N, C-alpha and C. Protein backbone atom coordinates (compact mmCIF):
# COMPACT_ATOMS: atom_id res chain seq x y z
N MET A 1 91.87 1.91 -90.32
CA MET A 1 90.97 0.83 -90.66
C MET A 1 91.71 -0.49 -90.77
N THR A 2 92.92 -0.44 -91.33
CA THR A 2 93.69 -1.68 -91.50
C THR A 2 94.08 -2.26 -90.14
N GLU A 3 94.50 -1.41 -89.23
CA GLU A 3 94.86 -1.88 -87.89
C GLU A 3 93.65 -2.49 -87.19
N ALA A 4 92.49 -1.86 -87.33
CA ALA A 4 91.28 -2.37 -86.70
C ALA A 4 90.86 -3.68 -87.33
N ALA A 5 91.03 -3.82 -88.64
CA ALA A 5 90.66 -5.06 -89.32
C ALA A 5 91.52 -6.23 -88.87
N ILE A 6 92.72 -5.95 -88.43
CA ILE A 6 93.62 -7.03 -87.96
C ILE A 6 93.44 -7.26 -86.46
N SER A 7 93.36 -6.20 -85.68
CA SER A 7 93.37 -6.36 -84.23
C SER A 7 92.01 -6.75 -83.64
N ILE A 8 90.91 -6.25 -84.16
CA ILE A 8 89.60 -6.55 -83.58
C ILE A 8 89.25 -8.04 -83.63
N PRO A 9 89.45 -8.75 -84.76
CA PRO A 9 89.17 -10.19 -84.71
C PRO A 9 90.05 -10.95 -83.72
N LEU A 10 91.30 -10.52 -83.57
CA LEU A 10 92.18 -11.17 -82.59
C LEU A 10 91.71 -10.91 -81.17
N ILE A 11 91.25 -9.71 -80.91
CA ILE A 11 90.74 -9.38 -79.58
C ILE A 11 89.47 -10.19 -79.30
N ILE A 12 88.60 -10.31 -80.28
CA ILE A 12 87.37 -11.09 -80.11
C ILE A 12 87.69 -12.57 -79.87
N LEU A 13 88.62 -13.13 -80.64
CA LEU A 13 89.00 -14.53 -80.44
C LEU A 13 89.61 -14.77 -79.06
N ALA A 14 90.48 -13.86 -78.64
CA ALA A 14 91.11 -14.01 -77.32
C ALA A 14 90.08 -13.90 -76.21
N SER A 15 89.13 -12.97 -76.34
CA SER A 15 88.11 -12.82 -75.29
C SER A 15 87.17 -14.03 -75.26
N MET A 16 86.85 -14.60 -76.40
CA MET A 16 86.01 -15.80 -76.43
C MET A 16 86.74 -16.99 -75.79
N LEU A 17 88.04 -17.11 -76.05
CA LEU A 17 88.83 -18.17 -75.42
C LEU A 17 88.86 -18.00 -73.91
N MET A 18 89.00 -16.76 -73.46
CA MET A 18 88.99 -16.51 -72.01
C MET A 18 87.64 -16.89 -71.41
N LEU A 19 86.55 -16.60 -72.10
CA LEU A 19 85.23 -16.99 -71.61
C LEU A 19 85.07 -18.51 -71.56
N ARG A 20 85.56 -19.20 -72.58
CA ARG A 20 85.48 -20.67 -72.58
C ARG A 20 86.29 -21.25 -71.44
N MET A 21 87.48 -20.71 -71.19
CA MET A 21 88.30 -21.21 -70.09
C MET A 21 87.64 -20.91 -68.74
N PHE A 22 86.99 -19.75 -68.62
CA PHE A 22 86.28 -19.41 -67.39
C PHE A 22 85.15 -20.41 -67.14
N VAL A 23 84.39 -20.74 -68.16
CA VAL A 23 83.30 -21.71 -68.02
C VAL A 23 83.87 -23.09 -67.68
N PHE A 24 85.02 -23.44 -68.27
CA PHE A 24 85.68 -24.71 -67.97
C PHE A 24 86.06 -24.78 -66.50
N TYR A 25 86.65 -23.73 -65.96
CA TYR A 25 87.04 -23.74 -64.56
C TYR A 25 85.82 -23.72 -63.63
N LEU A 26 84.74 -23.08 -64.05
CA LEU A 26 83.52 -23.16 -63.26
C LEU A 26 82.95 -24.58 -63.26
N ASP A 27 83.07 -25.27 -64.38
CA ASP A 27 82.63 -26.66 -64.46
C ASP A 27 83.47 -27.55 -63.54
N ILE A 28 84.78 -27.29 -63.50
CA ILE A 28 85.66 -28.03 -62.58
C ILE A 28 85.24 -27.77 -61.13
N LEU A 29 84.97 -26.52 -60.80
CA LEU A 29 84.55 -26.17 -59.44
C LEU A 29 83.23 -26.84 -59.09
N ASN A 30 82.29 -26.81 -60.01
CA ASN A 30 80.98 -27.41 -59.77
C ASN A 30 81.10 -28.93 -59.59
N THR A 31 81.92 -29.58 -60.40
CA THR A 31 82.13 -31.02 -60.26
C THR A 31 82.80 -31.35 -58.93
N GLY A 32 83.78 -30.55 -58.53
CA GLY A 32 84.46 -30.77 -57.25
C GLY A 32 83.51 -30.62 -56.08
N ILE A 33 82.64 -29.63 -56.14
CA ILE A 33 81.68 -29.42 -55.05
C ILE A 33 80.69 -30.58 -54.97
N SER A 34 80.20 -31.03 -56.12
CA SER A 34 79.23 -32.13 -56.10
C SER A 34 79.88 -33.43 -55.63
N GLU A 35 81.13 -33.68 -56.00
CA GLU A 35 81.83 -34.88 -55.54
C GLU A 35 82.10 -34.81 -54.04
N HIS A 36 82.44 -33.64 -53.54
CA HIS A 36 82.66 -33.47 -52.10
C HIS A 36 81.37 -33.72 -51.33
N ARG A 37 80.27 -33.17 -51.85
CA ARG A 37 78.97 -33.38 -51.21
C ARG A 37 78.59 -34.85 -51.21
N LYS A 38 78.87 -35.52 -52.31
CA LYS A 38 78.56 -36.95 -52.41
C LYS A 38 79.39 -37.76 -51.41
N ALA A 39 80.67 -37.41 -51.26
CA ALA A 39 81.53 -38.12 -50.29
C ALA A 39 81.05 -37.88 -48.87
N LEU A 40 80.62 -36.67 -48.56
CA LEU A 40 80.10 -36.39 -47.21
C LEU A 40 78.81 -37.15 -46.94
N GLU A 41 77.95 -37.26 -47.95
CA GLU A 41 76.73 -38.05 -47.77
C GLU A 41 77.05 -39.52 -47.56
N MET A 42 78.06 -40.03 -48.26
CA MET A 42 78.47 -41.42 -48.07
C MET A 42 79.00 -41.62 -46.65
N GLN A 43 79.76 -40.65 -46.13
CA GLN A 43 80.27 -40.77 -44.76
C GLN A 43 79.15 -40.76 -43.74
N ASP A 44 78.14 -39.93 -43.97
CA ASP A 44 77.04 -39.84 -43.01
C ASP A 44 76.14 -41.07 -43.02
N SER A 45 75.99 -41.70 -44.17
CA SER A 45 75.05 -42.82 -44.27
C SER A 45 75.73 -44.18 -44.22
N TYR A 46 77.01 -44.23 -43.95
CA TYR A 46 77.73 -45.51 -43.97
C TYR A 46 77.39 -46.34 -42.73
N ARG A 47 76.97 -47.59 -42.95
CA ARG A 47 76.64 -48.49 -41.85
C ARG A 47 77.29 -49.86 -42.02
N GLY A 48 78.35 -49.93 -42.79
CA GLY A 48 79.00 -51.20 -43.08
C GLY A 48 80.04 -51.58 -42.06
N VAL A 49 81.08 -52.25 -42.53
CA VAL A 49 82.16 -52.67 -41.66
C VAL A 49 82.81 -51.46 -41.00
N PHE A 50 83.75 -51.72 -40.14
CA PHE A 50 84.36 -50.68 -39.31
C PHE A 50 84.88 -49.50 -40.14
N ILE A 51 85.86 -49.74 -41.01
CA ILE A 51 86.43 -48.66 -41.83
C ILE A 51 86.52 -49.13 -43.28
N ARG A 52 86.15 -48.24 -44.19
CA ARG A 52 86.24 -48.53 -45.61
C ARG A 52 86.67 -47.26 -46.33
N THR A 53 87.30 -47.42 -47.47
CA THR A 53 87.74 -46.28 -48.26
C THR A 53 86.80 -46.08 -49.44
N TYR A 54 86.39 -44.83 -49.65
CA TYR A 54 85.55 -44.46 -50.78
C TYR A 54 86.41 -43.67 -51.76
N GLU A 55 86.51 -44.15 -52.98
CA GLU A 55 87.30 -43.46 -54.00
C GLU A 55 86.46 -43.29 -55.25
N GLU A 56 86.54 -42.11 -55.82
CA GLU A 56 85.80 -41.80 -57.05
C GLU A 56 86.67 -40.90 -57.91
N GLU A 57 86.60 -41.10 -59.20
CA GLU A 57 87.37 -40.26 -60.12
C GLU A 57 86.45 -39.76 -61.21
N LYS A 58 86.47 -38.45 -61.41
CA LYS A 58 85.67 -37.81 -62.46
C LYS A 58 86.62 -37.08 -63.40
N GLN A 59 86.17 -36.92 -64.62
CA GLN A 59 86.97 -36.24 -65.63
C GLN A 59 86.12 -35.13 -66.25
N VAL A 60 86.65 -33.91 -66.23
CA VAL A 60 85.97 -32.77 -66.82
C VAL A 60 86.73 -32.39 -68.08
N GLU A 61 86.01 -32.26 -69.18
CA GLU A 61 86.65 -31.99 -70.47
C GLU A 61 86.14 -30.69 -71.07
N LEU A 62 87.04 -30.00 -71.74
CA LEU A 62 86.69 -28.86 -72.57
C LEU A 62 87.02 -29.25 -73.99
N LEU A 63 86.00 -29.34 -74.82
CA LEU A 63 86.21 -29.78 -76.19
C LEU A 63 87.05 -28.77 -76.96
N LYS A 64 87.90 -29.29 -77.81
CA LYS A 64 88.77 -28.39 -78.56
C LYS A 64 87.97 -27.69 -79.65
N GLY A 65 88.43 -26.55 -79.98
CA GLY A 65 87.79 -25.74 -81.00
C GLY A 65 88.27 -24.31 -80.86
N GLY A 66 88.12 -23.52 -81.89
CA GLY A 66 88.57 -22.14 -81.85
C GLY A 66 90.09 -22.08 -81.84
N LEU A 67 90.66 -21.39 -80.88
CA LEU A 67 92.11 -21.24 -80.79
C LEU A 67 92.79 -22.42 -80.11
N LEU A 68 92.00 -23.29 -79.47
CA LEU A 68 92.58 -24.41 -78.75
C LEU A 68 93.00 -25.51 -79.71
N ALA A 69 94.23 -25.93 -79.61
CA ALA A 69 94.72 -27.02 -80.46
C ALA A 69 94.56 -28.37 -79.77
N LYS A 70 94.50 -28.36 -78.43
CA LYS A 70 94.39 -29.61 -77.68
C LYS A 70 93.09 -29.64 -76.89
N ASN A 71 92.78 -30.81 -76.42
CA ASN A 71 91.60 -31.01 -75.59
C ASN A 71 92.01 -30.79 -74.13
N ALA A 72 91.43 -29.80 -73.48
CA ALA A 72 91.75 -29.53 -72.08
C ALA A 72 90.97 -30.50 -71.19
N VAL A 73 91.68 -31.20 -70.32
CA VAL A 73 91.06 -32.21 -69.45
C VAL A 73 91.57 -32.01 -68.02
N LYS A 74 90.65 -32.14 -67.06
CA LYS A 74 91.01 -32.09 -65.65
C LYS A 74 90.41 -33.31 -64.98
N ARG A 75 91.24 -34.07 -64.29
CA ARG A 75 90.78 -35.25 -63.55
C ARG A 75 90.68 -34.90 -62.07
N LEU A 76 89.54 -35.21 -61.51
CA LEU A 76 89.31 -34.96 -60.10
C LEU A 76 89.18 -36.28 -59.36
N LYS A 77 90.00 -36.46 -58.35
CA LYS A 77 89.96 -37.69 -57.55
C LYS A 77 89.43 -37.35 -56.16
N THR A 78 88.48 -38.15 -55.72
CA THR A 78 87.89 -37.98 -54.40
C THR A 78 88.21 -39.22 -53.58
N LYS A 79 88.72 -39.01 -52.39
CA LYS A 79 89.01 -40.13 -51.50
C LYS A 79 88.51 -39.77 -50.11
N ALA A 80 87.73 -40.66 -49.53
CA ALA A 80 87.18 -40.43 -48.20
C ALA A 80 87.22 -41.74 -47.42
N TYR A 81 87.42 -41.62 -46.13
CA TYR A 81 87.40 -42.79 -45.25
C TYR A 81 86.02 -42.87 -44.61
N LEU A 82 85.37 -43.99 -44.83
CA LEU A 82 84.05 -44.21 -44.26
C LEU A 82 84.21 -45.00 -42.97
N ILE A 83 83.75 -44.42 -41.90
CA ILE A 83 83.90 -45.03 -40.58
C ILE A 83 82.51 -45.22 -39.98
N ASN A 84 82.23 -46.43 -39.56
CA ASN A 84 80.98 -46.71 -38.86
C ASN A 84 81.18 -46.33 -37.41
N GLU A 85 80.58 -45.23 -37.01
CA GLU A 85 80.80 -44.69 -35.66
C GLU A 85 80.17 -45.56 -34.59
N ASP A 86 79.10 -46.27 -34.94
CA ASP A 86 78.47 -47.15 -33.94
C ASP A 86 79.44 -48.25 -33.51
N ILE A 87 80.06 -48.88 -34.47
CA ILE A 87 81.03 -49.94 -34.16
C ILE A 87 82.26 -49.36 -33.45
N LEU A 88 82.65 -48.15 -33.83
CA LEU A 88 83.80 -47.51 -33.19
C LEU A 88 83.51 -47.26 -31.71
N VAL A 89 82.34 -46.79 -31.39
CA VAL A 89 81.97 -46.51 -29.99
C VAL A 89 81.88 -47.83 -29.21
N ARG A 90 81.25 -48.85 -29.83
CA ARG A 90 81.10 -50.12 -29.14
C ARG A 90 82.45 -50.80 -28.91
N SER A 91 83.36 -50.66 -29.86
CA SER A 91 84.69 -51.27 -29.66
C SER A 91 85.45 -50.55 -28.56
N GLY A 92 85.20 -49.27 -28.39
CA GLY A 92 85.82 -48.53 -27.28
C GLY A 92 85.28 -48.99 -25.94
N GLU A 93 84.01 -49.34 -25.89
CA GLU A 93 83.42 -49.83 -24.64
C GLU A 93 83.95 -51.20 -24.28
N ILE A 94 84.25 -52.01 -25.28
CA ILE A 94 84.77 -53.36 -25.03
C ILE A 94 86.18 -53.29 -24.46
N THR A 95 87.01 -52.38 -24.96
CA THR A 95 88.41 -52.32 -24.51
C THR A 95 88.57 -51.64 -23.15
N ASP A 96 87.55 -50.94 -22.67
CA ASP A 96 87.68 -50.26 -21.36
C ASP A 96 87.62 -51.21 -20.21
C-alpha cells in the first residue's frame, strides 16, 4: 500500500504531463498547417507588383502549471515569395 501511495500519484502526474505536451504539439501542428494554407492562398491571389515577400510569425504557448516550471513556447515563422505570374509571363514576351 505504501509503494502504491507513492508511485500512483507520480504515474498520474507524469501521464497528465505527457497528455498536455501531446496537445501542445498538436496545437503547433495545427497552427503550422493553417499558416501554410494561408501562405498558399496569398500566393494564389497575389496580383500586386512583380515579386513580394510574405512573412508571418505566430507564437504557440503552453501555459505553465502542474509539473512544468516554465512556460513552453514555440515560434513559427512563415515566409513565402509572392509572384505575379501575369507580369512574369508578359515580361518574358517582351524580352523575346
